[in-house]
Amino acid sequence: VYNMTNSGRVKVNFKPDKLVYLQQTPTQESLMSAPAQKKTGKSI
């Protein structure tokens, strides 16, 4: 999904803001009441 043809120096990193985590076990009810892309609980 990223063009890797031709020579060069490549750097690949994960975008940390993309990671969504929950500190409580997700349930259908809790996911419906809180937006999908929100982190909850103590900051990590």
PDB file of all heavy atoms in Angstrom:
ATOM      1  N   VAL A   1       0.805  -1.232   0.000  1.00  0.00           N
ATOM      2  CA  VAL A   1       0.000   0.000   0.000  1.00  0.00           C
ATOM      3  C   VAL A   1       0.836   1.280   0.000  1.00  0.00           C
ATOM      4  O   VAL A   1       0.278   2.380  -0.062  1.00  0.00           O
ATOM      5  CB  VAL A   1      -0.978   0.018   1.193  1.00  0.00           C
ATOM      6  CG1 VAL A   1      -2.080  -1.024   1.004  1.00  0.00           C
ATOM      7  CG2 VAL A   1      -0.258  -0.194   2.507  1.00  0.00           C
ATOM      8  N   TYR A   2       2.160   1.165   0.080  1.00  0.00           N
ATOM      9  CA  TYR A   2       3.052   2.314  -0.042  1.00  0.00           C
ATOM     10  C   TYR A   2       4.093   1.959  -1.096  1.00  0.00           C
ATOM     11  O   TYR A   2       4.708   0.896  -1.026  1.00  0.00           O
ATOM     12  CB  TYR A   2       3.746   2.624   1.288  1.00  0.00           C
ATOM     13  CG  TYR A   2       2.803   3.013   2.404  1.00  0.00           C
ATOM     14  CD1 TYR A   2       2.286   2.049   3.275  1.00  0.00           C
ATOM     15  CD2 TYR A   2       2.422   4.337   2.603  1.00  0.00           C
ATOM     16  CE1 TYR A   2       1.424   2.389   4.307  1.00  0.00           C
ATOM     17  CE2 TYR A   2       1.553   4.692   3.634  1.00  0.00           C
ATOM     18  CZ  TYR A   2       1.062   3.715   4.475  1.00  0.00           C
ATOM     19  OH  TYR A   2       0.193   4.047   5.494  1.00  0.00           O
ATOM     20  N   ASN A   3       4.305   2.823  -2.055  1.00  0.00           N
ATOM     21  CA  ASN A   3       5.177   2.502  -3.180  1.00  0.00           C
ATOM     22  C   ASN A   3       6.623   2.321  -2.729  1.00  0.00           C
ATOM     23  O   ASN A   3       7.238   3.241  -2.191  1.00  0.00           O
ATOM     24  CB  ASN A   3       5.096   3.616  -4.230  1.00  0.00           C
ATOM     25  CG  ASN A   3       5.794   3.239  -5.518  1.00  0.00           C
ATOM     26  OD1 ASN A   3       6.993   2.997  -5.525  1.00  0.00           O
ATOM     27  ND2 ASN A   3       5.050   3.171  -6.601  1.00  0.00           N
ATOM     28  N   MET A   4       7.147   1.139  -2.964  1.00  0.00           N
ATOM     29  CA  MET A   4       8.503   0.798  -2.540  1.00  0.00           C
ATOM     30  C   MET A   4       9.426   0.525  -3.720  1.00  0.00           C
ATOM     31  O   MET A   4      10.427  -0.175  -3.589  1.00  0.00           O
ATOM     32  CB  MET A   4       8.478  -0.420  -1.612  1.00  0.00           C
ATOM     33  CG  MET A   4       7.917  -0.155  -0.233  1.00  0.00           C
ATOM     34  SD  MET A   4       8.977   0.903   0.792  1.00  0.00           S
ATOM     35  CE  MET A   4       7.980   2.392   0.867  1.00  0.00           C
ATOM     36  N   THR A   5       9.095   1.041  -4.894  1.00  0.00           N
ATOM     37  CA  THR A   5       9.984   0.881  -6.043  1.00  0.00           C
ATOM     38  C   THR A   5      11.031   1.988  -6.031  1.00  0.00           C
ATOM     39  O   THR A   5      10.857   3.028  -5.401  1.00  0.00           O
ATOM     40  CB  THR A   5       9.195   0.937  -7.361  1.00  0.00           C
ATOM     41  OG1 THR A   5       8.482   2.173  -7.434  1.00  0.00           O
ATOM     42  CG2 THR A   5       8.223  -0.216  -7.471  1.00  0.00           C
ATOM     43  N   ASN A   6      12.114   1.764  -6.717  1.00  0.00           N
ATOM     44  CA  ASN A   6      13.243   2.689  -6.842  1.00  0.00           C
ATOM     45  C   ASN A   6      14.010   2.809  -5.523  1.00  0.00           C
ATOM     46  O   ASN A   6      13.484   2.577  -4.446  1.00  0.00           O
ATOM     47  CB  ASN A   6      12.794   4.063  -7.335  1.00  0.00           C
ATOM     48  CG  ASN A   6      12.148   3.975  -8.703  1.00  0.00           C
ATOM     49  OD1 ASN A   6      12.530   3.141  -9.522  1.00  0.00           O
ATOM     50  ND2 ASN A   6      11.152   4.822  -8.945  1.00  0.00           N
ATOM     51  N   SER A   7      15.271   3.182  -5.650  1.00  0.00           N
ATOM     52  CA  SER A   7      16.167   3.187  -4.497  1.00  0.00           C
ATOM     53  C   SER A   7      15.962   4.413  -3.617  1.00  0.00           C
ATOM     54  O   SER A   7      15.397   5.425  -4.037  1.00  0.00           O
ATOM     55  CB  SER A   7      17.620   3.130  -4.975  1.00  0.00           C
ATOM     56  OG  SER A   7      17.918   4.256  -5.783  1.00  0.00           O
ATOM     57  N   GLY A   8      16.433   4.300  -2.381  1.00  0.00           N
ATOM     58  CA  GLY A   8      16.341   5.423  -1.461  1.00  0.00           C
ATOM     59  C   GLY A   8      16.392   4.956  -0.017  1.00  0.00           C
ATOM     60  O   GLY A   8      16.384   3.758   0.272  1.00  0.00           O
ATOM     61  N   ARG A   9      16.449   5.917   0.886  1.00  0.00           N
ATOM     62  CA  ARG A   9      16.445   5.643   2.318  1.00  0.00           C
ATOM     63  C   ARG A   9      15.022   5.806   2.826  1.00  0.00           C
ATOM     64  O   ARG A   9      14.429   6.881   2.685  1.00  0.00           O
ATOM     65  CB  ARG A   9      17.391   6.589   3.040  1.00  0.00           C
ATOM     66  CG  ARG A   9      17.525   6.334   4.544  1.00  0.00           C
ATOM     67  CD  ARG A   9      18.585   7.274   5.132  1.00  0.00           C
ATOM     68  NE  ARG A   9      18.661   7.189   6.585  1.00  0.00           N
ATOM     69  CZ  ARG A   9      19.301   6.250   7.252  1.00  0.00           C
ATOM     70  NH1 ARG A   9      19.916   5.282   6.578  1.00  0.00           N
ATOM     71  NH2 ARG A   9      19.346   6.238   8.578  1.00  0.00           N
ATOM     72  N   VAL A  10      14.471   4.760   3.411  1.00  0.00           N
ATOM     73  CA  VAL A  10      13.063   4.737   3.794  1.00  0.00           C
ATOM     74  C   VAL A  10      12.912   4.725   5.314  1.00  0.00           C
ATOM     75  O   VAL A  10      13.635   4.007   6.015  1.00  0.00           O
ATOM     76  CB  VAL A  10      12.352   3.498   3.190  1.00  0.00           C
ATOM     77  CG1 VAL A  10      10.894   3.452   3.637  1.00  0.00           C
ATOM     78  CG2 VAL A  10      12.443   3.526   1.669  1.00  0.00           C
ATOM     79  N   LYS A  11      11.978   5.527   5.777  1.00  0.00           N
ATOM     80  CA  LYS A  11      11.629   5.544   7.202  1.00  0.00           C
ATOM     81  C   LYS A  11      10.154   5.213   7.333  1.00  0.00           C
ATOM     82  O   LYS A  11       9.317   5.809   6.659  1.00  0.00           O
ATOM     83  CB  LYS A  11      11.920   6.919   7.813  1.00  0.00           C
ATOM     84  CG  LYS A  11      11.631   7.009   9.305  1.00  0.00           C
ATOM     85  CD  LYS A  11      12.006   8.397   9.847  1.00  0.00           C
ATOM     86  CE  LYS A  11      11.732   8.500  11.336  1.00  0.00           C
ATOM     87  NZ  LYS A  11      12.102   9.848  11.878  1.00  0.00           N
ATOM     88  N   VAL A  12       9.822   4.259   8.181  1.00  0.00           N
ATOM     89  CA  VAL A  12       8.445   3.822   8.395  1.00  0.00           C
ATOM     90  C   VAL A  12       8.135   3.881   9.880  1.00  0.00           C
ATOM     91  O   VAL A  12       8.835   3.272  10.691  1.00  0.00           O
ATOM     92  CB  VAL A  12       8.218   2.378   7.879  1.00  0.00           C
ATOM     93  CG1 VAL A  12       6.764   1.967   8.099  1.00  0.00           C
ATOM     94  CG2 VAL A  12       8.576   2.268   6.401  1.00  0.00           C
ATOM     95  N   ASN A  13       7.086   4.611  10.227  1.00  0.00           N
ATOM     96  CA  ASN A  13       6.706   4.727  11.630  1.00  0.00           C
ATOM     97  C   ASN A  13       5.193   4.629  11.768  1.00  0.00           C
ATOM     98  O   ASN A  13       4.452   4.995  10.853  1.00  0.00           O
ATOM     99  CB  ASN A  13       7.187   6.063  12.208  1.00  0.00           C
ATOM    100  CG  ASN A  13       7.378   6.020  13.717  1.00  0.00           C
ATOM    101  OD1 ASN A  13       7.243   4.960  14.338  1.00  0.00           O
ATOM    102  ND2 ASN A  13       7.703   7.155  14.305  1.00  0.00           N
ATOM    103  N   PHE A  14       4.729   4.142  12.895  1.00  0.00           N
ATOM    104  CA  PHE A  14       3.302   4.105  13.185  1.00  0.00           C
ATOM    105  C   PHE A  14       2.845   5.494  13.637  1.00  0.00           C
ATOM    106  O   PHE A  14       3.592   6.221  14.296  1.00  0.00           O
ATOM    107  CB  PHE A  14       3.025   3.081  14.293  1.00  0.00           C
ATOM    108  CG  PHE A  14       1.591   3.004  14.719  1.00  0.00           C
ATOM    109  CD1 PHE A  14       0.618   2.519  13.848  1.00  0.00           C
ATOM    110  CD2 PHE A  14       1.196   3.416  15.988  1.00  0.00           C
ATOM    111  CE1 PHE A  14      -0.710   2.446  14.232  1.00  0.00           C
ATOM    112  CE2 PHE A  14      -0.126   3.344  16.390  1.00  0.00           C
ATOM    113  CZ  PHE A  14      -1.086   2.854  15.504  1.00  0.00           C
ATOM    114  N   LYS A  15       1.631   5.868  13.248  1.00  0.00           N
ATOM    115  CA  LYS A  15       1.065   7.142  13.691  1.00  0.00           C
ATOM    116  C   LYS A  15       0.409   6.917  15.054  1.00  0.00           C
ATOM    117  O   LYS A  15      -0.663   6.313  15.138  1.00  0.00           O
ATOM    118  CB  LYS A  15       0.028   7.638  12.692  1.00  0.00           C
ATOM    119  CG  LYS A  15       0.590   7.945  11.302  1.00  0.00           C
ATOM    120  CD  LYS A  15      -0.512   8.369  10.344  1.00  0.00           C
ATOM    121  CE  LYS A  15       0.047   8.697   8.961  1.00  0.00           C
ATOM    122  NZ  LYS A  15      -1.034   9.064   8.003  1.00  0.00           N
ATOM    123  N   PRO A  16       1.020   7.387  16.137  1.00  0.00           N
ATOM    124  CA  PRO A  16       0.526   7.056  17.478  1.00  0.00           C
ATOM    125  C   PRO A  16      -0.887   7.531  17.763  1.00  0.00           C
ATOM    126  O   PRO A  16      -1.601   6.922  18.558  1.00  0.00           O
ATOM    127  CB  PRO A  16       1.546   7.734  18.406  1.00  0.00           C
ATOM    128  CG  PRO A  16       2.230   8.750  17.571  1.00  0.00           C
ATOM    129  CD  PRO A  16       2.236   8.222  16.181  1.00  0.00           C
ATOM    130  N   ASP A  17      -1.318   8.611  17.094  1.00  0.00           N
ATOM    131  CA  ASP A  17      -2.676   9.102  17.337  1.00  0.00           C
ATOM    132  C   ASP A  17      -3.736   8.171  16.772  1.00  0.00           C
ATOM    133  O   ASP A  17      -4.928   8.330  17.056  1.00  0.00           O
ATOM    134  CB  ASP A  17      -2.847  10.505  16.756  1.00  0.00           C
ATOM    135  CG  ASP A  17      -2.639  10.548  15.246  1.00  0.00           C
ATOM    136  OD1 ASP A  17      -1.678   9.903  14.765  1.00  0.00           O
ATOM    137  OD2 ASP A  17      -3.416  11.201  14.547  1.00  0.00           O
ATOM    138  N   LYS A  18      -3.323   7.193  15.983  1.00  0.00           N
ATOM    139  CA  LYS A  18      -4.273   6.240  15.409  1.00  0.00           C
ATOM    140  C   LYS A  18      -4.663   5.132  16.393  1.00  0.00           C
ATOM    141  O   LYS A  18      -5.670   4.450  16.192  1.00  0.00           O
ATOM    142  CB  LYS A  18      -3.680   5.592  14.152  1.00  0.00           C
ATOM    143  CG  LYS A  18      -3.474   6.538  12.978  1.00  0.00           C
ATOM    144  CD  LYS A  18      -4.781   7.004  12.408  1.00  0.00           C
ATOM    145  CE  LYS A  18      -4.596   7.823  11.149  1.00  0.00           C
ATOM    146  NZ  LYS A  18      -5.890   8.310  10.615  1.00  0.00           N
ATOM    147  N   LEU A  19      -3.871   4.947  17.439  1.00  0.00           N
ATOM    148  CA  LEU A  19      -4.137   3.842  18.355  1.00  0.00           C
ATOM    149  C   LEU A  19      -5.259   4.204  19.321  1.00  0.00           C
ATOM    150  O   LEU A  19      -5.201   5.202  20.029  1.00  0.00           O
ATOM    151  CB  LEU A  19      -2.885   3.481  19.147  1.00  0.00           C
ATOM    152  CG  LEU A  19      -3.006   2.203  19.989  1.00  0.00           C
ATOM    153  CD1 LEU A  19      -3.106   0.984  19.089  1.00  0.00           C
ATOM    154  CD2 LEU A  19      -1.817   2.066  20.936  1.00  0.00           C
ATOM    155  N   VAL A  20      -6.282   3.367  19.349  1.00  0.00           N
ATOM    156  CA  VAL A  20      -7.412   3.538  20.272  1.00  0.00           C
ATOM    157  C   VAL A  20      -7.359   2.398  21.282  1.00  0.00           C
ATOM    158  O   VAL A  20      -7.289   1.229  20.914  1.00  0.00           O
ATOM    159  CB  VAL A  20      -8.751   3.525  19.522  1.00  0.00           C
ATOM    160  CG1 VAL A  20      -9.922   3.566  20.494  1.00  0.00           C
ATOM    161  CG2 VAL A  20      -8.827   4.721  18.569  1.00  0.00           C
ATOM    162  N   TYR A  21      -7.357   2.730  22.561  1.00  0.00           N
ATOM    163  CA  TYR A  21      -7.312   1.718  23.608  1.00  0.00           C
ATOM    164  C   TYR A  21      -8.365   2.020  24.669  1.00  0.00           C
ATOM    165  O   TYR A  21      -8.785   3.161  24.863  1.00  0.00           O
ATOM    166  CB  TYR A  21      -5.933   1.668  24.266  1.00  0.00           C
ATOM    167  CG  TYR A  21      -5.515   2.977  24.896  1.00  0.00           C
ATOM    168  CD1 TYR A  21      -5.935   3.319  26.185  1.00  0.00           C
ATOM    169  CD2 TYR A  21      -4.713   3.873  24.203  1.00  0.00           C
ATOM    170  CE1 TYR A  21      -5.574   4.526  26.756  1.00  0.00           C
ATOM    171  CE2 TYR A  21      -4.351   5.084  24.770  1.00  0.00           C
ATOM    172  CZ  TYR A  21      -4.782   5.406  26.046  1.00  0.00           C
ATOM    173  OH  TYR A  21      -4.423   6.607  26.610  1.00  0.00           O
ATOM    174  N   LEU A  22      -8.819   0.991  25.338  1.00  0.00           N
ATOM    175  CA  LEU A  22      -9.753   1.110  26.452  1.00  0.00           C
ATOM    176  C   LEU A  22      -9.154   0.377  27.641  1.00  0.00           C
ATOM    177  O   LEU A  22      -8.526  -0.670  27.481  1.00  0.00           O
ATOM    178  CB  LEU A  22     -11.112   0.502  26.102  1.00  0.00           C
ATOM    179  CG  LEU A  22     -11.866   1.100  24.911  1.00  0.00           C
ATOM    180  CD1 LEU A  22     -13.114   0.274  24.620  1.00  0.00           C
ATOM    181  CD2 LEU A  22     -12.227   2.546  25.167  1.00  0.00           C
ATOM    182  N   GLN A  23      -9.366   0.915  28.820  1.00  0.00           N
ATOM    183  CA  GLN A  23      -8.870   0.242  30.014  1.00  0.00           C
ATOM    184  C   GLN A  23      -9.953  -0.592  30.690  1.00  0.00           C
ATOM    185  O   GLN A  23      -9.667  -1.346  31.609  1.00  0.00           O
ATOM    186  CB  GLN A  23      -8.286   1.275  30.978  1.00  0.00           C
ATOM    187  CG  GLN A  23      -6.997   1.887  30.421  1.00  0.00           C
ATOM    188  CD  GLN A  23      -6.448   2.984  31.309  1.00  0.00           C
ATOM    189  OE1 GLN A  23      -6.991   4.074  31.371  1.00  0.00           O
ATOM    190  NE2 GLN A  23      -5.368   2.685  32.004  1.00  0.00           N
ATOM    191  N   GLN A  24     -11.174  -0.452  30.189  1.00  0.00           N
ATOM    192  CA  GLN A  24     -12.278  -1.278  30.659  1.00  0.00           C
ATOM    193  C   GLN A  24     -12.709  -2.202  29.531  1.00  0.00           C
ATOM    194  O   GLN A  24     -12.597  -1.854  28.350  1.00  0.00           O
ATOM    195  CB  GLN A  24     -13.465  -0.407  31.107  1.00  0.00           C
ATOM    196  CG  GLN A  24     -13.129   0.586  32.204  1.00  0.00           C
ATOM    197  CD  GLN A  24     -12.685  -0.082  33.499  1.00  0.00           C
ATOM    198  OE1 GLN A  24     -13.194  -1.146  33.859  1.00  0.00           O
ATOM    199  NE2 GLN A  24     -11.727   0.530  34.192  1.00  0.00           N
ATOM    200  N   THR A  25     -13.212  -3.362  29.871  1.00  0.00           N
ATOM    201  CA  THR A  25     -13.660  -4.307  28.846  1.00  0.00           C
ATOM    202  C   THR A  25     -14.773  -3.688  28.010  1.00  0.00           C
ATOM    203  O   THR A  25     -15.783  -3.242  28.558  1.00  0.00           O
ATOM    204  CB  THR A  25     -14.180  -5.607  29.491  1.00  0.00           C
ATOM    205  OG1 THR A  25     -13.139  -6.175  30.285  1.00  0.00           O
ATOM    206  CG2 THR A  25     -14.612  -6.596  28.427  1.00  0.00           C
ATOM    207  N   PRO A  26     -14.609  -3.602  26.692  1.00  0.00           N
ATOM    208  CA  PRO A  26     -15.652  -2.993  25.862  1.00  0.00           C
ATOM    209  C   PRO A  26     -16.888  -3.882  25.765  1.00  0.00           C
ATOM    210  O   PRO A  26     -16.783  -5.108  25.640  1.00  0.00           O
ATOM    211  CB  PRO A  26     -14.969  -2.847  24.504  1.00  0.00           C
ATOM    212  CG  PRO A  26     -13.920  -3.912  24.485  1.00  0.00           C
ATOM    213  CD  PRO A  26     -13.445  -4.037  25.899  1.00  0.00           C
ATOM    214  N   THR A  27     -18.033  -3.269  25.855  1.00  0.00           N
ATOM    215  CA  THR A  27     -19.306  -3.947  25.627  1.00  0.00           C
ATOM    216  C   THR A  27     -20.036  -3.204  24.527  1.00  0.00           C
ATOM    217  O   THR A  27     -19.705  -2.050  24.210  1.00  0.00           O
ATOM    218  CB  THR A  27     -20.175  -3.941  26.900  1.00  0.00           C
ATOM    219  OG1 THR A  27     -20.526  -2.573  27.213  1.00  0.00           O
ATOM    220  CG2 THR A  27     -19.433  -4.569  28.069  1.00  0.00           C
ATOM    221  N   GLN A  28     -21.035  -3.830  23.955  1.00  0.00           N
ATOM    222  CA  GLN A  28     -21.790  -3.164  22.898  1.00  0.00           C
ATOM    223  C   GLN A  28     -22.422  -1.888  23.420  1.00  0.00           C
ATOM    224  O   GLN A  28     -22.463  -0.863  22.731  1.00  0.00           O
ATOM    225  CB  GLN A  28     -22.868  -4.112  22.344  1.00  0.00           C
ATOM    226  CG  GLN A  28     -23.474  -3.651  21.027  1.00  0.00           C
ATOM    227  CD  GLN A  28     -22.432  -3.583  19.912  1.00  0.00           C
ATOM    228  OE1 GLN A  28     -21.625  -4.489  19.724  1.00  0.00           O
ATOM    229  NE2 GLN A  28     -22.421  -2.480  19.170  1.00  0.00           N
ATOM    230  N   GLU A  29     -22.905  -1.935  24.683  1.00  0.00           N
ATOM    231  CA  GLU A  29     -23.551  -0.764  25.277  1.00  0.00           C
ATOM    232  C   GLU A  29     -22.556   0.376  25.483  1.00  0.00           C
ATOM    233  O   GLU A  29     -22.843   1.537  25.164  1.00  0.00           O
ATOM    234  CB  GLU A  29     -24.190  -1.142  26.618  1.00  0.00           C
ATOM    235  CG  GLU A  29     -25.378  -2.094  26.528  1.00  0.00           C
ATOM    236  CD  GLU A  29     -24.964  -3.523  26.175  1.00  0.00           C
ATOM    237  OE1 GLU A  29     -23.806  -3.909  26.438  1.00  0.00           O
ATOM    238  OE2 GLU A  29     -25.818  -4.250  25.606  1.00  0.00           O
ATOM    239  N   SER A  30     -21.365   0.065  26.006  1.00  0.00           N
ATOM    240  CA  SER A  30     -20.385   1.121  26.262  1.00  0.00           C
ATOM    241  C   SER A  30     -19.869   1.728  24.965  1.00  0.00           C
ATOM    242  O   SER A  30     -19.607   2.933  24.896  1.00  0.00           O
ATOM    243  CB  SER A  30     -19.214   0.574  27.085  1.00  0.00           C
ATOM    244  OG  SER A  30     -18.463  -0.380  26.340  1.00  0.00           O
ATOM    245  N   LEU A  31     -19.740   0.911  23.938  1.00  0.00           N
ATOM    246  CA  LEU A  31     -19.257   1.433  22.659  1.00  0.00           C
ATOM    247  C   LEU A  31     -20.309   2.295  21.980  1.00  0.00           C
ATOM    248  O   LEU A  31     -19.978   3.231  21.245  1.00  0.00           O
ATOM    249  CB  LEU A  31     -18.845   0.286  21.744  1.00  0.00           C
ATOM    250  CG  LEU A  31     -17.627  -0.525  22.193  1.00  0.00           C
ATOM    251  CD1 LEU A  31     -17.408  -1.715  21.277  1.00  0.00           C
ATOM    252  CD2 LEU A  31     -16.379   0.359  22.240  1.00  0.00           C
ATOM    253  N   MET A  32     -21.567   1.995  22.212  1.00  0.00           N
ATOM    254  CA  MET A  32     -22.637   2.810  21.642  1.00  0.00           C
ATOM    255  C   MET A  32     -22.735   4.162  22.342  1.00  0.00           C
ATOM    256  O   MET A  32     -23.076   5.177  21.726  1.00  0.00           O
ATOM    257  CB  MET A  32     -23.972   2.079  21.755  1.00  0.00           C
ATOM    258  CG  MET A  32     -24.108   0.875  20.837  1.00  0.00           C
ATOM    259  SD  MET A  32     -24.079   1.318  19.076  1.00  0.00           S
ATOM    260  CE  MET A  32     -25.667   2.158  18.938  1.00  0.00           C
ATOM    261  N   SER A  33     -22.424   4.181  23.644  1.00  0.00           N
ATOM    262  CA  SER A  33     -22.561   5.424  24.406  1.00  0.00           C
ATOM    263  C   SER A  33     -21.344   6.329  24.288  1.00  0.00           C
ATOM    264  O   SER A  33     -21.433   7.532  24.531  1.00  0.00           O
ATOM    265  CB  SER A  33     -22.799   5.106  25.889  1.00  0.00           C
ATOM    266  OG  SER A  33     -21.691   4.418  26.440  1.00  0.00           O
ATOM    267  N   ALA A  34     -20.191   5.778  23.918  1.00  0.00           N
ATOM    268  CA  ALA A  34     -18.969   6.574  23.764  1.00  0.00           C
ATOM    269  C   ALA A  34     -18.511   6.494  22.316  1.00  0.00           C
ATOM    270  O   ALA A  34     -18.551   5.431  21.708  1.00  0.00           O
ATOM    271  CB  ALA A  34     -17.879   6.050  24.686  1.00  0.00           C
ATOM    272  N   PRO A  35     -18.090   7.614  21.723  1.00  0.00           N
ATOM    273  CA  PRO A  35     -17.616   7.608  20.342  1.00  0.00           C
ATOM    274  C   PRO A  35     -16.507   6.588  20.131  1.00  0.00           C
ATOM    275  O   PRO A  35     -15.679   6.343  21.012  1.00  0.00           O
ATOM    276  CB  PRO A  35     -17.094   9.041  20.144  1.00  0.00           C
ATOM    277  CG  PRO A  35     -17.878   9.851  21.117  1.00  0.00           C
ATOM    278  CD  PRO A  35     -18.073   8.956  22.315  1.00  0.00           C
ATOM    279  N   ALA A  36     -16.491   6.024  18.959  1.00  0.00           N
ATOM    280  CA  ALA A  36     -15.573   4.918  18.664  1.00  0.00           C
ATOM    281  C   ALA A  36     -14.113   5.293  18.798  1.00  0.00           C
ATOM    282  O   ALA A  36     -13.302   4.486  19.232  1.00  0.00           O
ATOM    283  CB  ALA A  36     -15.832   4.416  17.250  1.00  0.00           C
ATOM    284  N   GLN A  37     -13.766   6.497  18.429  1.00  0.00           N
ATOM    285  CA  GLN A  37     -12.357   6.842  18.331  1.00  0.00           C
ATOM    286  C   GLN A  37     -11.808   7.490  19.600  1.00  0.00           C
ATOM    287  O   GLN A  37     -10.809   8.192  19.571  1.00  0.00           O
ATOM    288  CB  GLN A  37     -12.148   7.776  17.132  1.00  0.00           C
ATOM    289  CG  GLN A  37     -12.746   7.240  15.835  1.00  0.00           C
ATOM    290  CD  GLN A  37     -12.235   5.874  15.446  1.00  0.00           C
ATOM    291  OE1 GLN A  37     -11.081   5.560  15.655  1.00  0.00           O
ATOM    292  NE2 GLN A  37     -13.076   5.048  14.890  1.00  0.00           N
ATOM    293  N   LYS A  38     -12.501   7.299  20.740  1.00  0.00           N
ATOM    294  CA  LYS A  38     -12.047   7.939  21.978  1.00  0.00           C
ATOM    295  C   LYS A  38     -11.244   6.979  22.852  1.00  0.00           C
ATOM    296  O   LYS A  38     -11.609   5.822  23.012  1.00  0.00           O
ATOM    297  CB  LYS A  38     -13.245   8.454  22.775  1.00  0.00           C
ATOM    298  CG  LYS A  38     -14.094   9.477  22.018  1.00  0.00           C
ATOM    299  CD  LYS A  38     -13.297  10.705  21.688  1.00  0.00           C
ATOM    300  CE  LYS A  38     -14.159  11.723  20.945  1.00  0.00           C
ATOM    301  NZ  LYS A  38     -13.392  12.867  20.487  1.00  0.00           N
ATOM    302  N   LYS A  39     -10.192   7.501  23.464  1.00  0.00           N
ATOM    303  CA  LYS A  39      -9.456   6.751  24.480  1.00  0.00           C
ATOM    304  C   LYS A  39     -10.114   7.055  25.824  1.00  0.00           C
ATOM    305  O   LYS A  39     -10.518   8.184  26.070  1.00  0.00           O
ATOM    306  CB  LYS A  39      -7.994   7.172  24.498  1.00  0.00           C
ATOM    307  CG  LYS A  39      -7.288   6.999  23.151  1.00  0.00           C
ATOM    308  CD  LYS A  39      -5.898   7.571  23.200  1.00  0.00           C
ATOM    309  CE  LYS A  39      -5.162   7.395  21.888  1.00  0.00           C
ATOM    310  NZ  LYS A  39      -5.724   8.152  20.791  1.00  0.00           N
ATOM    311  N   THR A  40     -10.244   6.077  26.676  1.00  0.00           N
ATOM    312  CA  THR A  40     -10.886   6.313  27.960  1.00  0.00           C
ATOM    313  C   THR A  40     -10.003   5.840  29.090  1.00  0.00           C
ATOM    314  O   THR A  40      -9.121   5.003  28.914  1.00  0.00           O
ATOM    315  CB  THR A  40     -12.235   5.584  28.049  1.00  0.00           C
ATOM    316  OG1 THR A  40     -12.004   4.181  27.954  1.00  0.00           O
ATOM    317  CG2 THR A  40     -13.175   6.009  26.941  1.00  0.00           C
ATOM    318  N   GLY A  41     -10.249   6.373  30.265  1.00  0.00           N
ATOM    319  CA  GLY A  41      -9.496   5.961  31.435  1.00  0.00           C
ATOM    320  C   GLY A  41      -8.233   6.789  31.605  1.00  0.00           C
ATOM    321  O   GLY A  41      -8.061   7.857  31.032  1.00  0.00           O
ATOM    322  N   LYS A  42      -7.338   6.309  32.467  1.00  0.00           N
ATOM    323  CA  LYS A  42      -6.090   7.003  32.761  1.00  0.00           C
ATOM    324  C   LYS A  42      -5.244   7.145  31.498  1.00  0.00           C
ATOM    325  O   LYS A  42      -5.165   6.259  30.671  1.00  0.00           O
ATOM    326  CB  LYS A  42      -5.322   6.220  33.823  1.00  0.00           C
ATOM    327  CG  LYS A  42      -4.034   6.885  34.278  1.00  0.00           C
ATOM    328  CD  LYS A  42      -3.370   6.031  35.354  1.00  0.00           C
ATOM    329  CE  LYS A  42      -2.051   6.656  35.798  1.00  0.00           C
ATOM    330  NZ  LYS A  42      -1.389   5.818  36.837  1.00  0.00           N
ATOM    331  N   SER A  43      -4.608   8.288  31.364  1.00  0.00           N
ATOM    332  CA  SER A  43      -3.822   8.562  30.169  1.00  0.00           C
ATOM    333  C   SER A  43      -2.639   7.610  30.057  1.00  0.00           C
ATOM    334  O   SER A  43      -1.903   7.371  31.016  1.00  0.00           O
ATOM    335  CB  SER A  43      -3.315  10.002  30.202  1.00  0.00           C
ATOM    336  OG  SER A  43      -2.539  10.276  29.071  1.00  0.00           O
ATOM    337  N   ILE A  44      -2.469   7.083  28.867  1.00  0.00           N
ATOM    338  CA  ILE A  44      -1.353   6.205  28.563  1.00  0.00           C
ATOM    339  C   ILE A  44      -0.620   6.795  27.358  1.00  0.00           C
ATOM    340  O   ILE A  44      -1.244   7.121  26.347  1.00  0.00           O
ATOM    341  CB  ILE A  44      -1.825   4.774  28.234  1.00  0.00           C
ATOM    342  CG1 ILE A  44      -2.491   4.140  29.458  1.00  0.00           C
ATOM    343  CG2 ILE A  44      -0.665   3.914  27.757  1.00  0.00           C
ATOM    344  CD1 ILE A  44      -3.099   2.778  29.183  1.00  0.00           C
TER     345      ILE A  44
END
